[in-house]
Amino acid sequence: LAENPSLENYTTLPYSYIVVNLVKQYEPQIVLYGATTTGRDLAPRVASELKTGLTADCTDLQIGDYVKPSTKEGDKLYKDILYQIRPAFGGNIIATIVSPDHRPQMATVREGVMKMKDPDPKRKGEIIEFKDELPKTLFISEVIKKVQQEKSVDLKSASIIVSGGMGVGSKENFKLIHELAHVLGGQVGASRAAVDAGFISKDHQVGQTGTTVRPKLYIAVGISGQIQHMAGMSESSRIIAINSDPNAPIFNIAHYGIVGDLNDVVPKMIEAFKSIKK
């Protein structure tokens, strides 16, 4: 805990100074940051100062043993290594990254990818106070004014999401997705393929290379079910899949599946929900 009136607003130098000194003093094995605007600025500064590695935007973390091949001494076993897992090459592969020889092991973690656990009353955190004086040379910038901009798309807090995929066919056809979401009072999502095709903007993208979501209801329309997409929505409470291909992988995780032409199915769903509202 660092208390100083000058720390009210985040600026890079004083915050990184504090974290670097705390890490040097207490020598933790692992340091994690949220992949937020602040975390993405702070983490690389700290990693550079400490001469250690950093994996950005992780979607999963695991701890286990790691065997490093060696030419002279044979294989070397490392215990309790942090496996830092994240999409790579534009989301086409999932990379697992380790840092066996440098400490601390550091990563930023994408918001929403970890399921919240119930609190363990047996575990108690320790508040450590940072009492060092902060050099005045750290405060070379000052926040004069902050302007908050509301997000036009808020997938993380949405209880209902209707997502469209490449199977929707066009930007024009995506109007059906918007209309169904509007009738249900939900948000519009999309697969990466639909975003890449220009059907909708990237801030609607669901999946490991987009936003990880856990709504009460997720309706996947024309989405085949690439593993990167399903990893970002598979923990939804209820999943309804609509696809003309009965063998689409999305049906493997769906609670309810409709095999049919979305141009026939979705308008009927819209009319049905409208009649219920009346």
C-alpha atoms as a PDB file:
ATOM      1  CA  LEU A   1       0.000   0.000   0.000  1.00  0.00           C
ATOM      2  CA  ALA A   2       1.546   3.276  -1.150  1.00  0.00           C
ATOM      3  CA  GLU A   3      -0.201   6.402   0.067  1.00  0.00           C
ATOM      4  CA  ASN A   4       0.721   9.715  -1.473  1.00  0.00           C
ATOM      5  CA  PRO A   5      -1.515  12.517  -2.776  1.00  0.00           C
ATOM      6  CA  SER A   6       0.588  12.586  -5.949  1.00  0.00           C
ATOM      7  CA  LEU A   7      -0.458   8.994  -6.732  1.00  0.00           C
ATOM      8  CA  GLU A   8      -4.155   9.819  -7.072  1.00  0.00           C
ATOM      9  CA  ASN A   9      -3.890   9.583 -10.856  1.00  0.00           C
ATOM     10  CA  TYR A  10      -1.796   6.946 -12.597  1.00  0.00           C
ATOM     11  CA  THR A  11       1.451   8.099 -14.149  1.00  0.00           C
ATOM     12  CA  THR A  12       4.121   5.702 -15.333  1.00  0.00           C
ATOM     13  CA  LEU A  13       7.310   6.641 -13.496  1.00  0.00           C
ATOM     14  CA  PRO A  14       6.188   6.760  -9.835  1.00  0.00           C
ATOM     15  CA  TYR A  15       4.031   3.641 -10.139  1.00  0.00           C
ATOM     16  CA  SER A  16       6.779   1.617 -11.818  1.00  0.00           C
ATOM     17  CA  TYR A  17       9.298   2.879  -9.238  1.00  0.00           C
ATOM     18  CA  ILE A  18       7.119   1.570  -6.407  1.00  0.00           C
ATOM     19  CA  VAL A  19       6.462  -1.837  -7.985  1.00  0.00           C
ATOM     20  CA  VAL A  20      10.117  -2.364  -8.933  1.00  0.00           C
ATOM     21  CA  ASN A  21      11.289  -1.609  -5.396  1.00  0.00           C
ATOM     22  CA  LEU A  22       8.667  -3.868  -3.822  1.00  0.00           C
ATOM     23  CA  VAL A  23       9.625  -6.740  -6.138  1.00  0.00           C
ATOM     24  CA  LYS A  24      13.314  -6.289  -5.342  1.00  0.00           C
ATOM     25  CA  GLN A  25      12.567  -6.280  -1.622  1.00  0.00           C
ATOM     26  CA  TYR A  26      10.172  -9.233  -1.404  1.00  0.00           C
ATOM     27  CA  GLU A  27      11.354 -11.304  -4.420  1.00  0.00           C
ATOM     28  CA  PRO A  28       8.035 -12.874  -5.468  1.00  0.00           C
ATOM     29  CA  GLN A  29       8.151 -15.797  -7.892  1.00  0.00           C
ATOM     30  CA  ILE A  30       5.204 -14.508  -9.939  1.00  0.00           C
ATOM     31  CA  VAL A  31       3.798 -11.030 -10.605  1.00  0.00           C
ATOM     32  CA  LEU A  32       0.507 -10.634 -12.474  1.00  0.00           C
ATOM     33  CA  TYR A  33      -1.180  -7.542 -13.892  1.00  0.00           C
ATOM     34  CA  GLY A  34      -4.553  -6.965 -15.452  1.00  0.00           C
ATOM     35  CA  ALA A  35      -4.331  -6.398 -19.209  1.00  0.00           C
ATOM     36  CA  THR A  36      -5.920  -2.984 -18.758  1.00  0.00           C
ATOM     37  CA  THR A  37      -4.682   0.335 -20.082  1.00  0.00           C
ATOM     38  CA  THR A  38      -2.736   0.822 -16.853  1.00  0.00           C
ATOM     39  CA  GLY A  39      -1.430  -2.748 -16.688  1.00  0.00           C
ATOM     40  CA  ARG A  40      -0.254  -2.693 -20.285  1.00  0.00           C
ATOM     41  CA  ASP A  41       1.750   0.443 -19.594  1.00  0.00           C
ATOM     42  CA  LEU A  42       3.110  -0.521 -16.176  1.00  0.00           C
ATOM     43  CA  ALA A  43       4.077  -4.180 -16.712  1.00  0.00           C
ATOM     44  CA  PRO A  44       6.641  -3.738 -19.522  1.00  0.00           C
ATOM     45  CA  ARG A  45       8.309  -0.873 -17.654  1.00  0.00           C
ATOM     46  CA  VAL A  46       8.736  -3.051 -14.570  1.00  0.00           C
ATOM     47  CA  ALA A  47       9.879  -6.076 -16.596  1.00  0.00           C
ATOM     48  CA  SER A  48      12.502  -3.998 -18.397  1.00  0.00           C
ATOM     49  CA  GLU A  49      13.852  -2.569 -15.156  1.00  0.00           C
ATOM     50  CA  LEU A  50      14.034  -6.034 -13.541  1.00  0.00           C
ATOM     51  CA  LYS A  51      15.556  -7.668 -16.655  1.00  0.00           C
ATOM     52  CA  THR A  52      12.871 -10.351 -16.742  1.00  0.00           C
ATOM     53  CA  GLY A  53      10.354 -11.583 -19.289  1.00  0.00           C
ATOM     54  CA  LEU A  54       6.728 -10.593 -19.729  1.00  0.00           C
ATOM     55  CA  THR A  55       3.907 -12.355 -21.545  1.00  0.00           C
ATOM     56  CA  ALA A  56       1.121  -9.978 -22.521  1.00  0.00           C
ATOM     57  CA  ASP A  57      -2.616 -10.558 -22.771  1.00  0.00           C
ATOM     58  CA  CYS A  58      -2.764 -14.110 -21.385  1.00  0.00           C
ATOM     59  CA  THR A  59      -6.051 -15.985 -21.642  1.00  0.00           C
ATOM     60  CA  ASP A  60      -5.039 -18.813 -19.298  1.00  0.00           C
ATOM     61  CA  LEU A  61      -2.448 -19.459 -16.601  1.00  0.00           C
ATOM     62  CA  GLN A  62      -1.244 -22.762 -15.168  1.00  0.00           C
ATOM     63  CA  ILE A  63       1.505 -23.803 -12.777  1.00  0.00           C
ATOM     64  CA  GLY A  64       3.473 -27.000 -13.265  1.00  0.00           C
ATOM     65  CA  ASP A  65       6.877 -28.569 -13.775  1.00  0.00           C
ATOM     66  CA  TYR A  66       8.934 -27.799 -16.866  1.00  0.00           C
ATOM     67  CA  VAL A  67      11.767 -29.813 -18.400  1.00  0.00           C
ATOM     68  CA  LYS A  68      14.328 -27.784 -20.327  1.00  0.00           C
ATOM     69  CA  PRO A  69      16.468 -29.774 -22.788  1.00  0.00           C
ATOM     70  CA  SER A  70      20.191 -29.268 -22.234  1.00  0.00           C
ATOM     71  CA  THR A  71      23.065 -30.350 -24.464  1.00  0.00           C
ATOM     72  CA  LYS A  72      25.790 -30.882 -21.828  1.00  0.00           C
ATOM     73  CA  GLU A  73      24.164 -31.510 -18.460  1.00  0.00           C
ATOM     74  CA  GLY A  74      21.126 -33.402 -19.680  1.00  0.00           C
ATOM     75  CA  ASP A  75      17.534 -32.317 -19.200  1.00  0.00           C
ATOM     76  CA  LYS A  76      16.950 -29.798 -16.412  1.00  0.00           C
ATOM     77  CA  LEU A  77      13.781 -29.924 -14.311  1.00  0.00           C
ATOM     78  CA  TYR A  78      12.169 -26.713 -13.098  1.00  0.00           C
ATOM     79  CA  LYS A  79       9.474 -26.882 -10.407  1.00  0.00           C
ATOM     80  CA  ASP A  80       6.376 -24.680 -10.116  1.00  0.00           C
ATOM     81  CA  ILE A  81       6.804 -22.847 -13.403  1.00  0.00           C
ATOM     82  CA  LEU A  82       4.112 -20.435 -14.600  1.00  0.00           C
ATOM     83  CA  TYR A  83       2.683 -21.532 -17.947  1.00  0.00           C
ATOM     84  CA  GLN A  84       1.584 -18.339 -19.677  1.00  0.00           C
ATOM     85  CA  ILE A  85      -0.978 -19.118 -22.377  1.00  0.00           C
ATOM     86  CA  ARG A  86      -2.119 -16.656 -25.024  1.00  0.00           C
ATOM     87  CA  PRO A  87      -3.223 -16.464 -28.672  1.00  0.00           C
ATOM     88  CA  ALA A  88      -0.452 -15.902 -31.209  1.00  0.00           C
ATOM     89  CA  PHE A  89      -0.104 -15.246 -34.939  1.00  0.00           C
ATOM     90  CA  GLY A  90      -3.383 -13.378 -35.102  1.00  0.00           C
ATOM     91  CA  GLY A  91      -5.180 -15.959 -32.968  1.00  0.00           C
ATOM     92  CA  ASN A  92      -4.437 -18.839 -35.335  1.00  0.00           C
ATOM     93  CA  ILE A  93      -2.506 -20.751 -32.673  1.00  0.00           C
ATOM     94  CA  ILE A  94      -2.389 -20.846 -28.876  1.00  0.00           C
ATOM     95  CA  ALA A  95       1.126 -20.322 -27.521  1.00  0.00           C
ATOM     96  CA  THR A  96       2.409 -21.529 -24.145  1.00  0.00           C
ATOM     97  CA  ILE A  97       5.297 -19.429 -22.858  1.00  0.00           C
ATOM     98  CA  VAL A  98       7.583 -20.122 -19.894  1.00  0.00           C
ATOM     99  CA  SER A  99      10.331 -18.157 -18.177  1.00  0.00           C
ATOM    100  CA  PRO A 100      12.335 -20.768 -16.261  1.00  0.00           C
ATOM    101  CA  ASP A 101      15.561 -18.833 -15.689  1.00  0.00           C
ATOM    102  CA  HIS A 102      14.375 -15.334 -14.780  1.00  0.00           C
ATOM    103  CA  ARG A 103      12.413 -14.027 -11.820  1.00  0.00           C
ATOM    104  CA  PRO A 104       9.836 -12.891 -11.260  1.00  0.00           C
ATOM    105  CA  GLN A 105       7.713 -14.597 -13.882  1.00  0.00           C
ATOM    106  CA  MET A 106       5.428 -11.861 -15.188  1.00  0.00           C
ATOM    107  CA  ALA A 107       2.255 -11.728 -17.256  1.00  0.00           C
ATOM    108  CA  THR A 108      -0.691  -9.497 -17.991  1.00  0.00           C
ATOM    109  CA  VAL A 109      -4.054 -11.275 -17.976  1.00  0.00           C
ATOM    110  CA  ARG A 110      -6.968 -10.393 -20.206  1.00  0.00           C
ATOM    111  CA  GLU A 111     -10.015  -9.154 -18.351  1.00  0.00           C
ATOM    112  CA  GLY A 112     -12.829 -11.666 -17.878  1.00  0.00           C
ATOM    113  CA  VAL A 113     -10.960 -14.856 -18.805  1.00  0.00           C
ATOM    114  CA  MET A 114     -10.730 -16.195 -15.244  1.00  0.00           C
ATOM    115  CA  LYS A 115     -13.860 -17.489 -13.585  1.00  0.00           C
ATOM    116  CA  MET A 116     -14.401 -15.902 -10.193  1.00  0.00           C
ATOM    117  CA  LYS A 117     -13.958 -18.336  -7.316  1.00  0.00           C
ATOM    118  CA  ASP A 118     -15.801 -18.242  -4.009  1.00  0.00           C
ATOM    119  CA  PRO A 119     -13.742 -16.489  -1.309  1.00  0.00           C
ATOM    120  CA  ASP A 120     -11.763 -18.781   0.991  1.00  0.00           C
ATOM    121  CA  PRO A 121     -12.183 -17.415   4.553  1.00  0.00           C
ATOM    122  CA  LYS A 122      -9.055 -19.328   5.635  1.00  0.00           C
ATOM    123  CA  ARG A 123      -6.864 -17.196   3.396  1.00  0.00           C
ATOM    124  CA  LYS A 124      -5.865 -13.802   4.711  1.00  0.00           C
ATOM    125  CA  GLY A 125      -3.995 -11.209   2.707  1.00  0.00           C
ATOM    126  CA  GLU A 126      -1.220  -9.122   4.201  1.00  0.00           C
ATOM    127  CA  ILE A 127      -1.163  -5.382   3.616  1.00  0.00           C
ATOM    128  CA  ILE A 128       2.395  -4.193   3.013  1.00  0.00           C
ATOM    129  CA  GLU A 129       3.004  -0.471   3.320  1.00  0.00           C
ATOM    130  CA  PHE A 130       5.451   1.247   1.007  1.00  0.00           C
ATOM    131  CA  LYS A 131       6.981   4.035   3.079  1.00  0.00           C
ATOM    132  CA  ASP A 132       9.921   5.109   0.915  1.00  0.00           C
ATOM    133  CA  GLU A 133      10.094   8.706  -0.191  1.00  0.00           C
ATOM    134  CA  LEU A 134       9.240   9.224  -3.835  1.00  0.00           C
ATOM    135  CA  PRO A 135      11.857  11.338  -5.651  1.00  0.00           C
ATOM    136  CA  LYS A 136      10.436  14.516  -7.151  1.00  0.00           C
ATOM    137  CA  THR A 137      12.137  13.633 -10.439  1.00  0.00           C
ATOM    138  CA  LEU A 138       9.514  10.902 -10.938  1.00  0.00           C
ATOM    139  CA  PHE A 139       6.718  13.414 -11.298  1.00  0.00           C
ATOM    140  CA  ILE A 140       7.518  14.857 -14.700  1.00  0.00           C
ATOM    141  CA  SER A 141       3.918  14.698 -15.908  1.00  0.00           C
ATOM    142  CA  GLU A 142       0.613  15.720 -14.385  1.00  0.00           C
ATOM    143  CA  VAL A 143      -2.963  14.696 -15.127  1.00  0.00           C
ATOM    144  CA  ILE A 144      -4.863  17.923 -15.736  1.00  0.00           C
ATOM    145  CA  LYS A 145      -8.241  16.523 -16.696  1.00  0.00           C
ATOM    146  CA  LYS A 146      -9.888  13.133 -17.184  1.00  0.00           C
ATOM    147  CA  VAL A 147     -12.744  12.577 -19.605  1.00  0.00           C
ATOM    148  CA  GLN A 148     -14.564   9.249 -19.411  1.00  0.00           C
ATOM    149  CA  GLN A 149     -15.926   7.884 -22.654  1.00  0.00           C
ATOM    150  CA  GLU A 150     -18.743   5.374 -22.398  1.00  0.00           C
ATOM    151  CA  LYS A 151     -18.373   2.197 -24.408  1.00  0.00           C
ATOM    152  CA  SER A 152     -20.847   1.736 -27.226  1.00  0.00           C
ATOM    153  CA  VAL A 153     -20.515  -2.040 -26.794  1.00  0.00           C
ATOM    154  CA  ASP A 154     -20.421  -3.655 -23.353  1.00  0.00           C
ATOM    155  CA  LEU A 155     -20.209  -7.400 -23.870  1.00  0.00           C
ATOM    156  CA  LYS A 156     -18.692  -8.204 -20.471  1.00  0.00           C
ATOM    157  CA  SER A 157     -21.688  -7.103 -18.411  1.00  0.00           C
ATOM    158  CA  ALA A 158     -24.372  -8.188 -20.901  1.00  0.00           C
ATOM    159  CA  SER A 159     -26.758 -10.878 -19.642  1.00  0.00           C
ATOM    160  CA  ILE A 160     -27.887 -11.679 -23.200  1.00  0.00           C
ATOM    161  CA  ILE A 161     -25.652 -11.765 -26.284  1.00  0.00           C
ATOM    162  CA  VAL A 162     -26.680 -12.596 -29.840  1.00  0.00           C
ATOM    163  CA  SER A 163     -23.602 -13.310 -31.960  1.00  0.00           C
ATOM    164  CA  GLY A 164     -23.340 -13.701 -35.709  1.00  0.00           C
ATOM    165  CA  GLY A 165     -20.711 -15.562 -37.667  1.00  0.00           C
ATOM    166  CA  MET A 166     -19.515 -15.966 -41.218  1.00  0.00           C
ATOM    167  CA  GLY A 167     -22.654 -17.958 -41.934  1.00  0.00           C
ATOM    168  CA  VAL A 168     -24.725 -14.776 -41.659  1.00  0.00           C
ATOM    169  CA  GLY A 169     -23.375 -14.025 -45.101  1.00  0.00           C
ATOM    170  CA  SER A 170     -23.150 -10.243 -45.288  1.00  0.00           C
ATOM    171  CA  LYS A 171     -23.206  -6.948 -43.435  1.00  0.00           C
ATOM    172  CA  GLU A 172     -26.761  -6.466 -44.685  1.00  0.00           C
ATOM    173  CA  ASN A 173     -27.884  -9.792 -43.201  1.00  0.00           C
ATOM    174  CA  PHE A 174     -26.321  -8.804 -39.867  1.00  0.00           C
ATOM    175  CA  LYS A 175     -29.357  -6.567 -39.386  1.00  0.00           C
ATOM    176  CA  LEU A 176     -31.182  -9.746 -38.294  1.00  0.00           C
ATOM    177  CA  ILE A 177     -28.636 -10.218 -35.501  1.00  0.00           C
ATOM    178  CA  HIS A 178     -29.089  -6.617 -34.378  1.00  0.00           C
ATOM    179  CA  GLU A 179     -32.870  -6.931 -34.447  1.00  0.00           C
ATOM    180  CA  LEU A 180     -32.949 -10.165 -32.442  1.00  0.00           C
ATOM    181  CA  ALA A 181     -30.571  -8.684 -29.860  1.00  0.00           C
ATOM    182  CA  HIS A 182     -32.727  -5.553 -29.634  1.00  0.00           C
ATOM    183  CA  VAL A 183     -35.929  -7.556 -29.076  1.00  0.00           C
ATOM    184  CA  LEU A 184     -34.237  -9.560 -26.311  1.00  0.00           C
ATOM    185  CA  GLY A 185     -32.621  -6.502 -24.725  1.00  0.00           C
ATOM    186  CA  GLY A 186     -29.174  -7.906 -25.360  1.00  0.00           C
ATOM    187  CA  GLN A 187     -25.875  -6.974 -26.975  1.00  0.00           C
ATOM    188  CA  VAL A 188     -24.577  -7.942 -30.419  1.00  0.00           C
ATOM    189  CA  GLY A 189     -21.497 -10.145 -30.624  1.00  0.00           C
ATOM    190  CA  ALA A 190     -19.617 -11.672 -33.522  1.00  0.00           C
ATOM    191  CA  SER A 191     -17.055 -14.276 -34.441  1.00  0.00           C
ATOM    192  CA  ARG A 192     -13.623 -13.272 -35.665  1.00  0.00           C
ATOM    193  CA  ALA A 193     -14.495 -14.450 -39.178  1.00  0.00           C
ATOM    194  CA  ALA A 194     -17.478 -12.096 -39.290  1.00  0.00           C
ATOM    195  CA  VAL A 195     -15.329  -9.202 -38.072  1.00  0.00           C
ATOM    196  CA  ASP A 196     -12.569  -9.959 -40.586  1.00  0.00           C
ATOM    197  CA  ALA A 197     -15.188 -10.064 -43.348  1.00  0.00           C
ATOM    198  CA  GLY A 198     -16.283  -6.548 -42.418  1.00  0.00           C
ATOM    199  CA  PHE A 199     -19.793  -7.517 -41.274  1.00  0.00           C
ATOM    200  CA  ILE A 200     -19.322  -5.655 -37.968  1.00  0.00           C
ATOM    201  CA  SER A 201     -16.646  -3.766 -36.008  1.00  0.00           C
ATOM    202  CA  LYS A 202     -13.989  -5.497 -33.883  1.00  0.00           C
ATOM    203  CA  ASP A 203     -15.358  -4.261 -30.558  1.00  0.00           C
ATOM    204  CA  HIS A 204     -18.167  -6.820 -31.012  1.00  0.00           C
ATOM    205  CA  GLN A 205     -15.748  -9.752 -31.364  1.00  0.00           C
ATOM    206  CA  VAL A 206     -16.160 -12.645 -28.915  1.00  0.00           C
ATOM    207  CA  GLY A 207     -13.389 -15.173 -28.346  1.00  0.00           C
ATOM    208  CA  GLN A 208      -9.774 -15.511 -27.281  1.00  0.00           C
ATOM    209  CA  THR A 209      -8.743 -12.738 -29.666  1.00  0.00           C
ATOM    210  CA  GLY A 210     -11.752 -10.628 -28.687  1.00  0.00           C
ATOM    211  CA  THR A 211     -13.801 -10.458 -25.491  1.00  0.00           C
ATOM    212  CA  THR A 212     -14.384 -13.386 -23.133  1.00  0.00           C
ATOM    213  CA  VAL A 213     -18.016 -13.434 -21.998  1.00  0.00           C
ATOM    214  CA  ARG A 214     -20.245 -15.343 -19.566  1.00  0.00           C
ATOM    215  CA  PRO A 215     -23.825 -14.146 -20.200  1.00  0.00           C
ATOM    216  CA  LYS A 216     -26.967 -15.860 -18.965  1.00  0.00           C
ATOM    217  CA  LEU A 217     -27.967 -16.460 -22.599  1.00  0.00           C
ATOM    218  CA  TYR A 218     -25.697 -16.709 -25.643  1.00  0.00           C
ATOM    219  CA  ILE A 219     -27.253 -17.192 -29.074  1.00  0.00           C
ATOM    220  CA  ALA A 220     -24.753 -18.187 -31.773  1.00  0.00           C
ATOM    221  CA  VAL A 221     -26.115 -17.590 -35.267  1.00  0.00           C
ATOM    222  CA  GLY A 222     -24.185 -18.894 -38.254  1.00  0.00           C
ATOM    223  CA  ILE A 223     -21.112 -19.605 -36.127  1.00  0.00           C
ATOM    224  CA  SER A 224     -19.418 -22.928 -36.869  1.00  0.00           C
ATOM    225  CA  GLY A 225     -17.483 -23.004 -33.607  1.00  0.00           C
ATOM    226  CA  GLN A 226     -13.770 -22.393 -34.002  1.00  0.00           C
ATOM    227  CA  ILE A 227     -11.934 -23.294 -30.790  1.00  0.00           C
ATOM    228  CA  GLN A 228     -10.835 -19.683 -30.257  1.00  0.00           C
ATOM    229  CA  HIS A 229     -14.450 -18.497 -30.339  1.00  0.00           C
ATOM    230  CA  MET A 230     -15.792 -21.247 -28.097  1.00  0.00           C
ATOM    231  CA  ALA A 231     -13.060 -20.591 -25.531  1.00  0.00           C
ATOM    232  CA  GLY A 232     -14.445 -17.084 -25.167  1.00  0.00           C
ATOM    233  CA  MET A 233     -18.107 -18.007 -24.579  1.00  0.00           C
ATOM    234  CA  SER A 234     -18.312 -21.670 -23.515  1.00  0.00           C
ATOM    235  CA  GLU A 235     -19.049 -20.775 -19.872  1.00  0.00           C
ATOM    236  CA  SER A 236     -22.291 -18.980 -20.763  1.00  0.00           C
ATOM    237  CA  SER A 237     -25.196 -20.216 -18.625  1.00  0.00           C
ATOM    238  CA  ARG A 238     -27.327 -21.121 -21.671  1.00  0.00           C
ATOM    239  CA  ILE A 239     -26.128 -21.479 -25.258  1.00  0.00           C
ATOM    240  CA  ILE A 240     -28.442 -21.677 -28.266  1.00  0.00           C
ATOM    241  CA  ALA A 241     -26.799 -22.484 -31.604  1.00  0.00           C
ATOM    242  CA  ILE A 242     -28.413 -21.891 -34.996  1.00  0.00           C
ATOM    243  CA  ASN A 243     -26.566 -23.377 -37.967  1.00  0.00           C
ATOM    244  CA  SER A 244     -27.409 -25.077 -41.245  1.00  0.00           C
ATOM    245  CA  ASP A 245     -24.593 -27.607 -40.722  1.00  0.00           C
ATOM    246  CA  PRO A 246     -25.653 -30.345 -38.268  1.00  0.00           C
ATOM    247  CA  ASN A 247     -21.981 -31.253 -37.735  1.00  0.00           C
ATOM    248  CA  ALA A 248     -20.873 -27.750 -36.739  1.00  0.00           C
ATOM    249  CA  PRO A 249     -18.638 -27.936 -33.611  1.00  0.00           C
ATOM    250  CA  ILE A 250     -20.734 -25.246 -31.896  1.00  0.00           C
ATOM    251  CA  PHE A 251     -23.443 -27.866 -31.303  1.00  0.00           C
ATOM    252  CA  ASN A 252     -21.033 -29.798 -29.054  1.00  0.00           C
ATOM    253  CA  ILE A 253     -21.246 -27.101 -26.370  1.00  0.00           C
ATOM    254  CA  ALA A 254     -24.759 -25.780 -27.062  1.00  0.00           C
ATOM    255  CA  HIS A 255     -27.574 -26.522 -24.614  1.00  0.00           C
ATOM    256  CA  TYR A 256     -30.079 -26.150 -27.446  1.00  0.00           C
ATOM    257  CA  GLY A 257     -29.422 -26.474 -31.164  1.00  0.00           C
ATOM    258  CA  ILE A 258     -31.462 -25.495 -34.200  1.00  0.00           C
ATOM    259  CA  VAL A 259     -30.404 -26.926 -37.566  1.00  0.00           C
ATOM    260  CA  GLY A 260     -31.781 -24.674 -40.254  1.00  0.00           C
ATOM    261  CA  ASP A 261     -31.402 -21.610 -42.435  1.00  0.00           C
ATOM    262  CA  LEU A 262     -30.895 -18.599 -40.177  1.00  0.00           C
ATOM    263  CA  ASN A 263     -32.876 -16.468 -42.643  1.00  0.00           C
ATOM    264  CA  ASP A 264     -35.905 -18.615 -41.801  1.00  0.00           C
ATOM    265  CA  VAL A 265     -35.207 -19.269 -38.116  1.00  0.00           C
ATOM    266  CA  VAL A 266     -34.180 -15.823 -36.840  1.00  0.00           C
ATOM    267  CA  PRO A 267     -37.188 -13.865 -38.231  1.00  0.00           C
ATOM    268  CA  LYS A 268     -39.514 -16.406 -36.600  1.00  0.00           C
ATOM    269  CA  MET A 269     -37.694 -15.980 -33.291  1.00  0.00           C
ATOM    270  CA  ILE A 270     -37.997 -12.202 -33.573  1.00  0.00           C
ATOM    271  CA  GLU A 271     -41.735 -12.410 -34.222  1.00  0.00           C
ATOM    272  CA  ALA A 272     -42.215 -14.911 -31.391  1.00  0.00           C
ATOM    273  CA  PHE A 273     -40.428 -12.708 -28.846  1.00  0.00           C
ATOM    274  CA  LYS A 274     -42.297  -9.626 -30.066  1.00  0.00           C
ATOM    275  CA  SER A 275     -45.632 -11.398 -29.566  1.00  0.00           C
ATOM    276  CA  ILE A 276     -44.621 -12.422 -26.034  1.00  0.00           C
ATOM    277  CA  LYS A 277     -43.816  -8.793 -25.196  1.00  0.00           C
ATOM    278  CA  LYS A 278     -47.264  -7.720 -26.347  1.00  0.00           C
END
